[in-house]
PDB file of N, CA and C in Angstrom:
ATOM      1  N   MET A   1    -141.890 158.503-120.814  1.00  0.00           N
ATOM      2  CA  MET A   1    -142.008 159.405-121.872  1.00  0.00           C
ATOM      3  C   MET A   1    -140.473 159.879-122.131  1.00  0.00           C
ATOM      4  N   THR A   2    -140.401 160.222-123.322  1.00  0.00           N
ATOM      5  CA  THR A   2    -138.807 160.389-124.049  1.00  0.00           C
ATOM      6  C   THR A   2    -138.686 161.964-123.809  1.00  0.00           C
ATOM      7  N   ASP A   3    -137.532 162.187-123.245  1.00  0.00           N
ATOM      8  CA  ASP A   3    -137.281 163.332-123.034  1.00  0.00           C
ATOM      9  C   ASP A   3    -137.322 164.514-124.062  1.00  0.00           C
ATOM     10  N   GLU A   4    -137.738 165.733-124.554  1.00  0.00           N
ATOM     11  CA  GLU A   4    -138.316 166.440-125.444  1.00  0.00           C
ATOM     12  C   GLU A   4    -136.841 166.508-125.852  1.00  0.00           C
ATOM     13  N   TRP A   5    -136.070 166.707-125.624  1.00  0.00           N
ATOM     14  CA  TRP A   5    -134.248 166.619-126.524  1.00  0.00           C
ATOM     15  C   TRP A   5    -134.122 165.402-127.397  1.00  0.00           C
ATOM     16  N   ASP A   6    -134.663 164.443-126.674  1.00  0.00           N
ATOM     17  CA  ASP A   6    -134.129 163.434-127.580  1.00  0.00           C
ATOM     18  C   ASP A   6    -135.284 163.582-128.514  1.00  0.00           C
ATOM     19  N   LEU A   7    -136.474 163.798-128.641  1.00  0.00           N
ATOM     20  CA  LEU A   7    -137.382 163.788-129.744  1.00  0.00           C
ATOM     21  C   LEU A   7    -136.786 164.812-130.443  1.00  0.00           C
ATOM     22  N   ILE A   8    -136.299 165.918-130.401  1.00  0.00           N
ATOM     23  CA  ILE A   8    -135.772 166.834-130.891  1.00  0.00           C
ATOM     24  C   ILE A   8    -134.451 166.421-131.732  1.00  0.00           C
ATOM     25  N   SER A   9    -133.788 165.770-131.095  1.00  0.00           N
ATOM     26  CA  SER A   9    -132.527 165.261-131.891  1.00  0.00           C
ATOM     27  C   SER A   9    -132.865 164.003-132.696  1.00  0.00           C
ATOM     28  N   PHE A  10    -133.956 163.636-132.729  1.00  0.00           N
ATOM     29  CA  PHE A  10    -134.372 162.837-133.495  1.00  0.00           C
ATOM     30  C   PHE A  10    -134.964 163.236-134.942  1.00  0.00           C
ATOM     31  N   VAL A  11    -135.562 164.230-134.742  1.00  0.00           N
ATOM     32  CA  VAL A  11    -136.031 164.782-135.600  1.00  0.00           C
ATOM     33  C   VAL A  11    -135.134 165.525-136.638  1.00  0.00           C
ATOM     34  N   VAL A  12    -134.237 166.046-135.938  1.00  0.00           N
ATOM     35  CA  VAL A  12    -133.431 166.877-136.759  1.00  0.00           C
ATOM     36  C   VAL A  12    -132.282 166.220-137.493  1.00  0.00           C
ATOM     37  N   ARG A  13    -131.894 164.517-136.655  1.00  0.00           N
ATOM     38  CA  ARG A  13    -130.989 163.773-137.587  1.00  0.00           C
ATOM     39  C   ARG A  13    -131.726 163.342-138.954  1.00  0.00           C
ATOM     40  N   SER A  14    -132.472 163.817-139.411  1.00  0.00           N
ATOM     41  CA  SER A  14    -133.369 163.388-140.713  1.00  0.00           C
ATOM     42  C   SER A  14    -133.928 164.802-141.008  1.00  0.00           C
ATOM     43  N   GLN A  15    -133.629 165.391-142.320  1.00  0.00           N
ATOM     44  CA  GLN A  15    -134.202 166.475-142.861  1.00  0.00           C
ATOM     45  C   GLN A  15    -135.791 165.683-143.514  1.00  0.00           C
ATOM     46  N   TYR A  16    -135.836 164.539-143.771  1.00  0.00           N
ATOM     47  CA  TYR A  16    -136.876 164.335-144.025  1.00  0.00           C
ATOM     48  C   TYR A  16    -138.404 164.456-143.203  1.00  0.00           C
ATOM     49  N   ARG A  17    -137.860 163.920-142.193  1.00  0.00           N
ATOM     50  CA  ARG A  17    -138.611 163.965-140.880  1.00  0.00           C
ATOM     51  C   ARG A  17    -138.752 165.850-140.470  1.00  0.00           C
ATOM     52  N   VAL A  18    -137.815 166.348-140.628  1.00  0.00           N
ATOM     53  CA  VAL A  18    -138.084 167.543-140.622  1.00  0.00           C
ATOM     54  C   VAL A  18    -139.004 168.193-141.424  1.00  0.00           C
ATOM     55  N   ASP A  19    -138.889 167.687-142.921  1.00  0.00           N
ATOM     56  CA  ASP A  19    -140.120 168.268-143.944  1.00  0.00           C
ATOM     57  C   ASP A  19    -141.406 167.783-143.463  1.00  0.00           C
ATOM     58  N   VAL A  20    -141.729 166.538-143.171  1.00  0.00           N
ATOM     59  CA  VAL A  20    -142.896 165.626-142.741  1.00  0.00           C
ATOM     60  C   VAL A  20    -143.288 166.374-142.067  1.00  0.00           C
ATOM     61  N   LEU A  21    -142.988 166.793-140.578  1.00  0.00           N
ATOM     62  CA  LEU A  21    -143.431 167.421-139.148  1.00  0.00           C
ATOM     63  C   LEU A  21    -143.700 168.850-139.830  1.00  0.00           C
ATOM     64  N   GLU A  22    -142.854 169.534-140.610  1.00  0.00           N
ATOM     65  CA  GLU A  22    -143.433 171.038-140.601  1.00  0.00           C
ATOM     66  C   GLU A  22    -144.823 171.020-141.361  1.00  0.00           C
ATOM     67  N   ARG A  23    -144.987 169.845-142.746  1.00  0.00           N
ATOM     68  CA  ARG A  23    -146.058 170.034-143.368  1.00  0.00           C
ATOM     69  C   ARG A  23    -146.958 169.360-142.544  1.00  0.00           C
ATOM     70  N   LEU A  24    -146.766 168.690-141.669  1.00  0.00           N
ATOM     71  CA  LEU A  24    -148.257 168.502-140.723  1.00  0.00           C
ATOM     72  C   LEU A  24    -148.767 169.393-139.556  1.00  0.00           C
ATOM     73  N   VAL A  25    -147.555 170.431-139.503  1.00  0.00           N
ATOM     74  CA  VAL A  25    -147.861 171.550-138.217  1.00  0.00           C
ATOM     75  C   VAL A  25    -148.973 172.360-139.360  1.00  0.00           C
ATOM     76  N   GLU A  26    -149.121 172.374-140.721  1.00  0.00           N
ATOM     77  CA  GLU A  26    -150.224 173.105-141.257  1.00  0.00           C
ATOM     78  C   GLU A  26    -151.813 172.282-141.389  1.00  0.00           C
ATOM     79  N   GLY A  27    -151.381 171.074-141.260  1.00  0.00           N
ATOM     80  CA  GLY A  27    -152.733 170.528-141.059  1.00  0.00           C
ATOM     81  C   GLY A  27    -152.560 169.205-141.354  1.00  0.00           C
ATOM     82  N   PRO A  28    -153.487 167.891-141.148  1.00  0.00           N
ATOM     83  CA  PRO A  28    -153.490 166.748-141.587  1.00  0.00           C
ATOM     84  C   PRO A  28    -153.484 166.672-143.574  1.00  0.00           C
ATOM     85  N   ALA A  29    -152.247 165.252-143.546  1.00  0.00           N
ATOM     86  CA  ALA A  29    -152.341 165.164-144.970  1.00  0.00           C
ATOM     87  C   ALA A  29    -152.299 163.600-145.369  1.00  0.00           C
ATOM     88  N   THR A  30    -152.285 163.320-146.705  1.00  0.00           N
ATOM     89  CA  THR A  30    -151.968 161.857-146.637  1.00  0.00           C
ATOM     90  C   THR A  30    -150.405 161.904-146.983  1.00  0.00           C
ATOM     91  N   PRO A  31    -149.705 160.321-147.171  1.00  0.00           N
ATOM     92  CA  PRO A  31    -148.410 161.063-147.604  1.00  0.00           C
ATOM     93  C   PRO A  31    -148.080 161.620-148.920  1.00  0.00           C
ATOM     94  N   SER A  32    -149.356 160.919-149.861  1.00  0.00           N
ATOM     95  CA  SER A  32    -148.888 161.054-151.540  1.00  0.00           C
ATOM     96  C   SER A  32    -148.962 163.295-151.198  1.00  0.00           C
ATOM     97  N   GLN A  33    -149.503 164.047-150.807  1.00  0.00           N
ATOM     98  CA  GLN A  33    -149.764 164.869-150.407  1.00  0.00           C
ATOM     99  C   GLN A  33    -148.528 165.690-149.951  1.00  0.00           C
ATOM    100  N   ILE A  34    -148.260 165.119-148.906  1.00  0.00           N
ATOM    101  CA  ILE A  34    -146.914 165.534-148.129  1.00  0.00           C
ATOM    102  C   ILE A  34    -145.648 165.635-149.411  1.00  0.00           C
ATOM    103  N   ALA A  35    -145.811 164.433-150.232  1.00  0.00           N
ATOM    104  CA  ALA A  35    -144.451 164.445-150.870  1.00  0.00           C
ATOM    105  C   ALA A  35    -144.575 165.514-151.812  1.00  0.00           C
ATOM    106  N   ALA A  36    -145.642 165.306-152.133  1.00  0.00           N
ATOM    107  CA  ALA A  36    -145.780 166.819-153.503  1.00  0.00           C
ATOM    108  C   ALA A  36    -145.708 167.951-152.475  1.00  0.00           C
ATOM    109  N   ASP A  37    -146.093 168.314-151.948  1.00  0.00           N
ATOM    110  CA  ASP A  37    -146.092 169.281-151.212  1.00  0.00           C
ATOM    111  C   ASP A  37    -144.310 170.069-150.711  1.00  0.00           C
ATOM    112  N   GLU A  38    -143.812 168.659-149.977  1.00  0.00           N
ATOM    113  CA  GLU A  38    -142.459 168.895-149.635  1.00  0.00           C
ATOM    114  C   GLU A  38    -141.205 168.914-150.855  1.00  0.00           C
ATOM    115  N   ASP A  39    -141.909 168.236-151.902  1.00  0.00           N
ATOM    116  CA  ASP A  39    -140.982 167.505-153.069  1.00  0.00           C
ATOM    117  C   ASP A  39    -140.314 166.638-153.152  1.00  0.00           C
ATOM    118  N   ILE A  40    -140.369 165.285-152.053  1.00  0.00           N
ATOM    119  CA  ILE A  40    -139.811 164.633-151.631  1.00  0.00           C
ATOM    120  C   ILE A  40    -140.594 163.347-152.208  1.00  0.00           C
ATOM    121  N   ALA A  41    -139.552 162.379-152.600  1.00  0.00           N
ATOM    122  CA  ALA A  41    -140.134 161.083-152.623  1.00  0.00           C
ATOM    123  C   ALA A  41    -141.088 160.136-151.964  1.00  0.00           C
ATOM    124  N   ILE A  42    -142.118 159.579-152.469  1.00  0.00           N
ATOM    125  CA  ILE A  42    -143.001 159.047-151.208  1.00  0.00           C
ATOM    126  C   ILE A  42    -142.562 157.858-150.219  1.00  0.00           C
ATOM    127  N   THR A  43    -141.192 157.393-150.623  1.00  0.00           N
ATOM    128  CA  THR A  43    -140.886 156.457-149.856  1.00  0.00           C
ATOM    129  C   THR A  43    -139.848 156.652-148.635  1.00  0.00           C
ATOM    130  N   HIS A  44    -139.361 158.133-149.039  1.00  0.00           N
ATOM    131  CA  HIS A  44    -138.847 159.054-147.866  1.00  0.00           C
ATOM    132  C   HIS A  44    -139.941 159.346-146.862  1.00  0.00           C
ATOM    133  N   VAL A  45    -141.068 159.961-147.074  1.00  0.00           N
ATOM    134  CA  VAL A  45    -142.021 160.528-146.503  1.00  0.00           C
ATOM    135  C   VAL A  45    -143.085 158.978-145.587  1.00  0.00           C
ATOM    136  N   SER A  46    -142.740 157.923-146.313  1.00  0.00           N
ATOM    137  CA  SER A  46    -143.287 156.894-145.387  1.00  0.00           C
ATOM    138  C   SER A  46    -142.552 156.392-144.310  1.00  0.00           C
ATOM    139  N   ARG A  47    -141.164 156.427-144.459  1.00  0.00           N
ATOM    140  CA  ARG A  47    -140.171 156.004-143.574  1.00  0.00           C
ATOM    141  C   ARG A  47    -140.200 157.210-142.822  1.00  0.00           C
ATOM    142  N   ALA A  48    -140.377 158.156-142.986  1.00  0.00           N
ATOM    143  CA  ALA A  48    -140.037 159.512-142.079  1.00  0.00           C
ATOM    144  C   ALA A  48    -141.713 159.366-140.963  1.00  0.00           C
ATOM    145  N   LEU A  49    -143.212 159.422-141.559  1.00  0.00           N
ATOM    146  CA  LEU A  49    -143.801 159.043-141.042  1.00  0.00           C
ATOM    147  C   LEU A  49    -143.829 157.573-139.698  1.00  0.00           C
ATOM    148  N   SER A  50    -143.349 156.703-140.281  1.00  0.00           N
ATOM    149  CA  SER A  50    -143.145 155.493-139.482  1.00  0.00           C
ATOM    150  C   SER A  50    -142.140 155.803-138.198  1.00  0.00           C
ATOM    151  N   GLY A  51    -141.049 156.592-138.843  1.00  0.00           N
ATOM    152  CA  GLY A  51    -139.937 156.853-136.900  1.00  0.00           C
ATOM    153  C   GLY A  51    -141.008 157.893-136.277  1.00  0.00           C
ATOM    154  N   LEU A  52    -141.499 159.071-136.899  1.00  0.00           N
ATOM    155  CA  LEU A  52    -142.250 160.102-136.022  1.00  0.00           C
ATOM    156  C   LEU A  52    -143.653 159.399-135.570  1.00  0.00           C
ATOM    157  N   ARG A  53    -144.276 158.248-135.862  1.00  0.00           N
ATOM    158  CA  ARG A  53    -145.047 157.938-135.538  1.00  0.00           C
ATOM    159  C   ARG A  53    -144.608 156.609-133.963  1.00  0.00           C
ATOM    160  N   GLU A  54    -143.864 155.633-134.325  1.00  0.00           N
ATOM    161  CA  GLU A  54    -143.431 154.518-133.469  1.00  0.00           C
ATOM    162  C   GLU A  54    -142.853 154.895-132.366  1.00  0.00           C
ATOM    163  N   GLY A  55    -142.826 153.743-131.232  1.00  0.00           N
ATOM    164  CA  GLY A  55    -141.805 153.826-130.416  1.00  0.00           C
ATOM    165  C   GLY A  55    -142.441 154.845-129.446  1.00  0.00           C
ATOM    166  N   ASP A  56    -141.573 155.501-128.677  1.00  0.00           N
ATOM    167  CA  ASP A  56    -141.815 156.624-127.703  1.00  0.00           C
ATOM    168  C   ASP A  56    -142.280 157.972-128.389  1.00  0.00           C
ATOM    169  N   HIS A  57    -141.879 157.947-129.905  1.00  0.00           N
ATOM    170  CA  HIS A  57    -141.699 159.052-130.615  1.00  0.00           C
ATOM    171  C   HIS A  57    -143.450 160.169-130.563  1.00  0.00           C
ATOM    172  N   GLU A  58    -144.301 159.244-131.198  1.00  0.00           N
ATOM    173  CA  GLU A  58    -145.586 159.494-131.001  1.00  0.00           C
ATOM    174  C   GLU A  58    -145.760 161.173-131.519  1.00  0.00           C
ATOM    175  N   MET A  59    -145.133 161.713-132.487  1.00  0.00           N
ATOM    176  CA  MET A  59    -145.025 162.776-133.158  1.00  0.00           C
ATOM    177  C   MET A  59    -146.319 163.214-134.116  1.00  0.00           C
ATOM    178  N   VAL A  60    -146.618 162.175-134.826  1.00  0.00           N
ATOM    179  CA  VAL A  60    -147.643 162.381-135.636  1.00  0.00           C
ATOM    180  C   VAL A  60    -148.455 160.699-135.617  1.00  0.00           C
ATOM    181  N   GLU A  61    -149.792 160.928-136.267  1.00  0.00           N
ATOM    182  CA  GLU A  61    -150.970 160.082-135.562  1.00  0.00           C
ATOM    183  C   GLU A  61    -151.977 159.659-137.061  1.00  0.00           C
ATOM    184  N   LEU A  62    -151.933 158.646-136.859  1.00  0.00           N
ATOM    185  CA  LEU A  62    -152.505 157.962-138.271  1.00  0.00           C
ATOM    186  C   LEU A  62    -154.444 158.387-137.796  1.00  0.00           C
ATOM    187  N   LEU A  63    -155.005 159.473-138.317  1.00  0.00           N
ATOM    188  CA  LEU A  63    -156.399 159.957-138.550  1.00  0.00           C
ATOM    189  C   LEU A  63    -157.546 159.091-138.879  1.00  0.00           C
ATOM    190  N   VAL A  64    -157.063 158.081-139.607  1.00  0.00           N
ATOM    191  CA  VAL A  64    -157.930 157.039-140.523  1.00  0.00           C
ATOM    192  C   VAL A  64    -157.612 155.414-140.029  1.00  0.00           C
ATOM    193  N   SER A  65    -158.910 154.495-139.849  1.00  0.00           N
ATOM    194  CA  SER A  65    -158.279 153.169-139.280  1.00  0.00           C
ATOM    195  C   SER A  65    -157.022 152.680-139.915  1.00  0.00           C
ATOM    196  N   GLU A  66    -156.417 151.648-138.832  1.00  0.00           N
ATOM    197  CA  GLU A  66    -155.326 150.996-139.277  1.00  0.00           C
ATOM    198  C   GLU A  66    -155.358 149.823-140.913  1.00  0.00           C
ATOM    199  N   ASP A  67    -156.789 149.611-140.930  1.00  0.00           N
ATOM    200  CA  ASP A  67    -157.357 148.685-141.685  1.00  0.00           C
ATOM    201  C   ASP A  67    -156.972 149.548-143.195  1.00  0.00           C
ATOM    202  N   GLN A  68    -157.313 150.846-143.105  1.00  0.00           N
ATOM    203  CA  GLN A  68    -157.604 151.161-144.284  1.00  0.00           C
ATOM    204  C   GLN A  68    -155.709 151.464-145.056  1.00  0.00           C
ATOM    205  N   LYS A  69    -155.611 151.034-146.244  1.00  0.00           N
ATOM    206  CA  LYS A  69    -154.340 150.965-146.595  1.00  0.00           C
ATOM    207  C   LYS A  69    -154.301 152.381-147.537  1.00  0.00           C
ATOM    208  N   LYS A  70    -155.109 152.753-148.489  1.00  0.00           N
ATOM    209  CA  LYS A  70    -155.329 153.590-149.362  1.00  0.00           C
ATOM    210  C   LYS A  70    -155.699 155.002-148.655  1.00  0.00           C
ATOM    211  N   GLY A  71    -155.344 156.050-149.079  1.00  0.00           N
ATOM    212  CA  GLY A  71    -156.017 157.585-148.420  1.00  0.00           C
ATOM    213  C   GLY A  71    -155.463 157.868-147.375  1.00  0.00           C
ATOM    214  N   ARG A  72    -154.459 156.750-146.760  1.00  0.00           N
ATOM    215  CA  ARG A  72    -154.383 157.170-145.221  1.00  0.00           C
ATOM    216  C   ARG A  72    -154.069 158.647-144.798  1.00  0.00           C
ATOM    217  N   VAL A  73    -154.264 159.249-143.760  1.00  0.00           N
ATOM    218  CA  VAL A  73    -154.595 160.626-143.501  1.00  0.00           C
ATOM    219  C   VAL A  73    -154.027 160.839-142.040  1.00  0.00           C
ATOM    220  N   TYR A  74    -152.752 161.495-141.889  1.00  0.00           N
ATOM    221  CA  TYR A  74    -151.993 161.515-140.890  1.00  0.00           C
ATOM    222  C   TYR A  74    -152.034 162.979-140.130  1.00  0.00           C
ATOM    223  N   GLY A  75    -152.054 163.099-138.873  1.00  0.00           N
ATOM    224  CA  GLY A  75    -151.835 164.584-138.670  1.00  0.00           C
ATOM    225  C   GLY A  75    -150.574 164.718-136.868  1.00  0.00           C
ATOM    226  N   ILE A  76    -150.330 165.754-136.601  1.00  0.00           N
ATOM    227  CA  ILE A  76    -149.574 165.837-136.162  1.00  0.00           C
ATOM    228  C   ILE A  76    -150.164 165.553-134.535  1.00  0.00           C
ATOM    229  N   THR A  77    -149.274 165.480-133.341  1.00  0.00           N
ATOM    230  CA  THR A  77    -150.011 165.043-132.056  1.00  0.00           C
ATOM    231  C   THR A  77    -149.414 166.459-131.275  1.00  0.00           C
ATOM    232  N   GLU A  78    -149.833 166.017-129.943  1.00  0.00           N
ATOM    233  CA  GLU A  78    -149.564 167.316-129.209  1.00  0.00           C
ATOM    234  C   GLU A  78    -148.091 167.507-128.556  1.00  0.00           C
ATOM    235  N   THR A  79    -147.409 166.055-128.880  1.00  0.00           N
ATOM    236  CA  THR A  79    -145.988 166.360-128.542  1.00  0.00           C
ATOM    237  C   THR A  79    -145.363 166.743-129.914  1.00  0.00           C
ATOM    238  N   GLY A  80    -145.811 166.219-130.925  1.00  0.00           N
ATOM    239  CA  GLY A  80    -145.221 166.266-132.217  1.00  0.00           C
ATOM    240  C   GLY A  80    -145.446 168.119-132.411  1.00  0.00           C
ATOM    241  N   GLU A  81    -146.447 168.835-131.714  1.00  0.00           N
ATOM    242  CA  GLU A  81    -146.179 170.392-132.106  1.00  0.00           C
ATOM    243  C   GLU A  81    -145.818 170.926-131.370  1.00  0.00           C
ATOM    244  N   ARG A  82    -145.438 170.382-129.789  1.00  0.00           N
ATOM    245  CA  ARG A  82    -144.629 170.893-129.252  1.00  0.00           C
ATOM    246  C   ARG A  82    -142.906 171.046-129.106  1.00  0.00           C
ATOM    247  N   VAL A  83    -142.381 169.796-129.907  1.00  0.00           N
ATOM    248  CA  VAL A  83    -141.394 169.623-130.499  1.00  0.00           C
ATOM    249  C   VAL A  83    -141.463 170.406-131.822  1.00  0.00           C
ATOM    250  N   TRP A  84    -142.043 171.050-132.418  1.00  0.00           N
ATOM    251  CA  TRP A  84    -141.768 172.107-133.682  1.00  0.00           C
ATOM    252  C   TRP A  84    -141.707 173.184-133.159  1.00  0.00           C
ATOM    253  N   ASP A  85    -142.461 173.483-132.252  1.00  0.00           N
ATOM    254  CA  ASP A  85    -142.251 174.785-131.548  1.00  0.00           C
ATOM    255  C   ASP A  85    -141.092 175.063-130.728  1.00  0.00           C
ATOM    256  N   ARG A  86    -140.517 173.988-130.172  1.00  0.00           N
ATOM    257  CA  ARG A  86    -139.564 174.190-129.762  1.00  0.00           C
ATOM    258  C   ARG A  86    -138.241 174.483-130.407  1.00  0.00           C
ATOM    259  N   LEU A  87    -138.033 173.626-131.787  1.00  0.00           N
ATOM    260  CA  LEU A  87    -137.417 173.701-133.220  1.00  0.00           C
ATOM    261  C   LEU A  87    -137.203 174.634-133.234  1.00  0.00           C
ATOM    262  N   GLU A  88    -138.689 175.423-133.721  1.00  0.00           N
ATOM    263  CA  GLU A  88    -138.623 176.732-134.126  1.00  0.00           C
ATOM    264  C   GLU A  88    -137.912 177.942-133.199  1.00  0.00           C
ATOM    265  N   SER A  89    -138.241 177.631-132.194  1.00  0.00           N
ATOM    266  CA  SER A  89    -137.909 178.590-130.764  1.00  0.00           C
ATOM    267  C   SER A  89    -136.266 178.580-130.926  1.00  0.00           C
ATOM    268  N   GLU A  90    -135.774 177.469-130.899  1.00  0.00           N
ATOM    269  CA  GLU A  90    -134.332 177.210-130.778  1.00  0.00           C
ATOM    270  C   GLU A  90    -133.642 177.414-131.921  1.00  0.00           C
ATOM    271  N   ASN A  91    -134.106 177.984-133.412  1.00  0.00           N
ATOM    272  CA  ASN A  91    -133.979 178.344-134.607  1.00  0.00           C
ATOM    273  C   ASN A  91    -133.107 177.110-134.950  1.00  0.00           C
ATOM    274  N   MET A  92    -133.375 175.947-134.946  1.00  0.00           N
ATOM    275  CA  MET A  92    -133.075 174.765-135.184  1.00  0.00           C
ATOM    276  C   MET A  92    -133.861 174.388-136.680  1.00  0.00           C
ATOM    277  N   VAL A  93    -134.906 175.068-136.984  1.00  0.00           N
ATOM    278  CA  VAL A  93    -135.620 174.705-138.469  1.00  0.00           C
ATOM    279  C   VAL A  93    -135.315 176.038-139.554  1.00  0.00           C
TER     280      VAL A  93
END
């Protein structure tokens, strides 16, 4: 598993990743909901979701089937919640 500080560093290097994670802390959402709620372009949301989900990051998860192309719903994982809590406690967001 990736060190927690590595995950924190990965998140804070992109304001889009910070925004997406912050929105998902509130509850599951589709990329278009995240884009609207955070007032950022859908392309940035999609890229942030991919980064937060891939490799050793696993801070967000797809809550519907991989086969579903429209209406994909994403949620935050326990790892994502831990990272977000640490970001807040360290006053990094």
